[in-house]
Amino acid sequence: MGFPKALLRLGSGRTLIQEAVRKLGRLSDDVIVVANDDLFAVHGARMEPDIYPGAAVLGGIYSALAAARHDRVVVVGCDMPFLSTAVLADLIAIEADAVVPRIDGYPEPLHAVYGRACLEPIRRRLEAGQLRAIGFHSEVQVHYVDGLDPATFRNVNTPELLREAAREGIEPPTPSLGRMRSIH
């Protein structure tokens, strides 16, 4: 896109990151933005630095979990305008070290729930330079969830996808959670 996607404005006038914080605020009293630049500060969330700068998604997951006041955290990307609080609430209700949706067989690590049991395995991976976001899954109890509407997970990586998001509006239709299928 040529600039931080988190700062893209949607039809509501809010930026993508403001929209994510607004939705996550419905689920928790401890919303965290992991970033090393005040450019991403958002009312309703506290800023926490990336403990392992340059460590990609895995570093962000670790930083959020390490800073959280609660034992479990919901981690989402800041470029997902169709986040569904209903889907996230269902994921939170599942007890496991990590609760990770899969779309077409691929895990969605930036739309998942992680518990403190993930901290040590993630730290070991980070310190070894192994940055694959799901690389630690073999070391914790992961509950994969299949059958969710892929629209909930769409992000905006191109100007066309942003225009599409603006045309469709921010709030996704309420997904049919009855079709959700859990796999341990």
Protein backbone atom coordinates (compact mmCIF):
# COMPACT_ATOMS: atom_id res chain seq x y z
CA MET A 1 0.00 0.00 0.00
CA GLY A 2 2.96 2.32 0.49
CA PHE A 3 2.03 3.36 4.05
CA PRO A 4 0.88 1.65 7.26
CA LYS A 5 -2.36 -0.22 6.55
CA ALA A 6 -3.47 0.27 10.15
CA LEU A 7 -4.01 3.96 9.40
CA LEU A 8 -6.28 3.47 6.39
CA ARG A 9 -9.66 5.14 6.86
CA LEU A 10 -12.87 3.26 6.30
CA GLY A 11 -16.31 4.57 5.41
CA SER A 12 -17.04 5.14 9.11
CA GLY A 13 -14.17 7.62 9.29
CA ARG A 14 -12.28 5.32 11.66
CA THR A 15 -8.93 3.85 10.77
CA LEU A 16 -8.51 0.09 10.53
CA ILE A 17 -6.72 0.03 13.87
CA GLN A 18 -9.40 2.17 15.52
CA GLU A 19 -12.05 -0.22 14.21
CA ALA A 20 -10.17 -3.25 15.58
CA VAL A 21 -9.75 -1.57 19.00
CA ARG A 22 -13.46 -0.63 19.04
CA LYS A 23 -14.51 -4.22 18.40
CA LEU A 24 -12.00 -5.75 20.82
CA GLY A 25 -13.15 -3.31 23.49
CA ARG A 26 -16.51 -5.14 23.42
CA LEU A 27 -14.70 -8.30 24.53
CA SER A 28 -12.11 -7.10 27.03
CA ASP A 29 -11.15 -4.30 29.38
CA ASP A 30 -7.50 -4.78 28.38
CA VAL A 31 -6.99 -3.91 24.72
CA ILE A 32 -3.34 -3.66 23.70
CA VAL A 33 -1.71 -2.32 20.55
CA VAL A 34 1.75 -3.80 20.11
CA ALA A 35 3.86 -1.24 18.29
CA ASN A 36 7.07 0.70 18.67
CA ASP A 37 5.69 3.89 17.14
CA ASP A 38 3.20 6.29 18.76
CA LEU A 39 1.70 6.70 15.30
CA PHE A 40 -0.40 3.64 16.18
CA ALA A 41 -1.72 4.94 19.51
CA VAL A 42 -5.49 4.56 19.71
CA HIS A 43 -7.94 5.80 22.33
CA GLY A 44 -9.28 2.79 24.22
CA ALA A 45 -6.09 0.76 23.97
CA ARG A 46 -2.76 0.85 25.68
CA MET A 47 0.44 0.79 23.70
CA GLU A 48 3.05 -1.85 24.44
CA PRO A 49 6.40 -2.10 22.69
CA ASP A 50 7.34 -5.06 20.58
CA ILE A 51 9.70 -6.97 22.88
CA TYR A 52 11.41 -8.61 19.89
CA PRO A 53 11.41 -5.89 17.20
CA GLY A 54 11.59 -7.36 13.72
CA ALA A 55 10.32 -10.75 14.88
CA ALA A 56 7.18 -10.51 12.74
CA VAL A 57 3.85 -11.99 13.83
CA LEU A 58 5.37 -14.32 16.41
CA GLY A 59 7.05 -11.42 18.19
CA GLY A 60 3.77 -9.52 18.28
CA ILE A 61 1.91 -12.49 19.75
CA TYR A 62 4.59 -12.86 22.43
CA SER A 63 4.59 -9.15 23.26
CA ALA A 64 0.79 -9.02 23.62
CA LEU A 65 0.66 -12.11 25.79
CA ALA A 66 3.56 -10.94 28.00
CA ALA A 67 1.92 -7.52 28.54
CA ALA A 68 -1.65 -8.73 29.09
CA ARG A 69 -3.40 -8.38 32.44
CA HIS A 70 -5.43 -11.53 31.76
CA ASP A 71 -4.29 -15.13 31.30
CA ARG A 72 -5.54 -15.33 27.73
CA VAL A 73 -5.42 -12.87 24.86
CA VAL A 74 -7.18 -12.48 21.55
CA VAL A 75 -4.66 -11.55 18.88
CA VAL A 76 -5.86 -10.00 15.62
CA GLY A 77 -4.26 -8.20 12.72
CA CYS A 78 -4.85 -4.48 12.45
CA ASP A 79 -5.87 -4.82 8.81
CA MET A 80 -8.99 -6.96 9.28
CA PRO A 81 -12.06 -4.72 8.93
CA PHE A 82 -14.54 -7.61 9.07
CA LEU A 83 -13.64 -8.91 12.54
CA SER A 84 -16.63 -10.57 14.11
CA THR A 85 -16.97 -10.15 17.86
CA ALA A 86 -19.38 -13.11 17.86
CA VAL A 87 -16.75 -15.40 16.32
CA LEU A 88 -14.05 -14.07 18.65
CA ALA A 89 -16.33 -14.62 21.69
CA ASP A 90 -16.88 -18.22 20.58
CA LEU A 91 -13.12 -18.75 20.27
CA ILE A 92 -12.58 -17.27 23.74
CA ALA A 93 -15.11 -19.75 25.18
CA ILE A 94 -12.96 -22.71 24.09
CA GLU A 95 -10.42 -23.80 26.68
CA ALA A 96 -6.96 -24.60 25.28
CA ASP A 97 -3.45 -23.13 25.30
CA ALA A 98 -4.19 -21.78 21.83
CA VAL A 99 -7.47 -21.60 19.91
CA VAL A 100 -6.76 -21.10 16.24
CA PRO A 101 -9.23 -20.92 13.35
CA ARG A 102 -8.32 -22.64 10.09
CA ILE A 103 -9.53 -21.46 6.72
CA ASP A 104 -9.17 -23.98 3.91
CA GLY A 105 -6.85 -25.97 6.17
CA TYR A 106 -4.51 -23.04 6.95
CA PRO A 107 -4.23 -21.67 10.51
CA GLU A 108 -5.09 -18.00 11.08
CA PRO A 109 -2.57 -17.02 13.81
CA LEU A 110 -3.68 -13.38 13.73
CA HIS A 111 -7.27 -14.16 14.60
CA ALA A 112 -6.70 -16.50 17.52
CA VAL A 113 -6.67 -16.85 21.30
CA TYR A 114 -3.45 -17.59 23.19
CA GLY A 115 -2.85 -18.48 26.84
CA ARG A 116 0.18 -17.95 29.04
CA ALA A 117 1.32 -21.55 28.43
CA CYS A 118 2.40 -20.30 24.99
CA LEU A 119 4.89 -17.76 26.35
CA GLU A 120 7.85 -20.06 26.99
CA PRO A 121 7.59 -22.05 23.73
CA ILE A 122 7.26 -18.79 21.77
CA ARG A 123 10.22 -17.22 23.59
CA ARG A 124 12.41 -20.23 22.76
CA ARG A 125 11.45 -19.95 19.09
CA LEU A 126 12.11 -16.22 19.01
CA GLU A 127 15.50 -16.57 20.63
CA ALA A 128 16.40 -19.31 18.14
CA GLY A 129 15.37 -17.04 15.24
CA GLN A 130 12.51 -19.37 14.30
CA LEU A 131 9.78 -16.89 13.41
CA ARG A 132 7.10 -19.11 11.90
CA ALA A 133 3.89 -17.94 13.59
CA ILE A 134 2.61 -21.47 14.18
CA GLY A 135 6.00 -23.09 14.81
CA PHE A 136 5.34 -23.48 18.53
CA HIS A 137 1.99 -25.25 18.10
CA SER A 138 3.56 -28.68 18.60
CA GLU A 139 4.61 -27.63 22.11
CA VAL A 140 1.19 -26.53 23.40
CA GLN A 141 -2.40 -27.76 23.40
CA VAL A 142 -3.95 -26.25 20.27
CA HIS A 143 -7.64 -26.38 19.50
CA TYR A 144 -8.21 -25.75 15.78
CA VAL A 145 -11.59 -24.47 14.64
CA ASP A 146 -12.78 -25.13 11.10
CA GLY A 147 -15.98 -24.15 9.31
CA LEU A 148 -15.94 -20.41 9.97
CA ASP A 149 -16.95 -17.87 7.33
CA PRO A 150 -13.74 -16.82 5.51
CA ALA A 151 -15.09 -13.25 5.15
CA THR A 152 -14.40 -12.67 8.84
CA PHE A 153 -10.69 -13.14 8.20
CA ARG A 154 -10.28 -10.93 5.14
CA ASN A 155 -7.65 -8.27 5.38
CA VAL A 156 -6.89 -5.27 3.20
CA ASN A 157 -3.57 -5.72 1.45
CA THR A 158 -4.37 -3.73 -1.67
CA PRO A 159 -6.25 -0.52 -2.53
CA GLU A 160 -8.90 -2.66 -4.29
CA LEU A 161 -9.51 -4.73 -1.14
CA LEU A 162 -9.87 -1.49 0.82
CA ARG A 163 -12.44 -0.20 -1.68
CA GLU A 164 -14.27 -3.52 -1.43
CA ALA A 165 -14.31 -3.27 2.37
CA ALA A 166 -15.68 0.28 2.15
CA ARG A 167 -18.42 -0.81 -0.30
CA GLU A 168 -19.48 -3.71 1.89
CA GLY A 169 -19.37 -1.77 5.15
CA ILE A 170 -17.41 -2.63 8.26
CA GLU A 171 -19.67 -4.97 10.18
CA PRO A 172 -19.82 -8.43 8.61
CA PRO A 173 -23.10 -10.27 8.53
CA THR A 174 -23.61 -12.35 11.66
CA PRO A 175 -21.97 -15.65 10.78
CA SER A 176 -23.75 -18.92 11.22
CA LEU A 177 -21.86 -20.17 14.23
CA GLY A 178 -23.75 -23.43 14.07
CA ARG A 179 -21.51 -24.41 11.17
CA MET A 180 -18.37 -23.97 13.26
CA ARG A 181 -16.52 -27.23 13.71
CA SER A 182 -13.86 -27.70 16.38
CA ILE A 183 -10.92 -30.04 16.06
CA HIS A 184 -8.50 -30.70 18.90
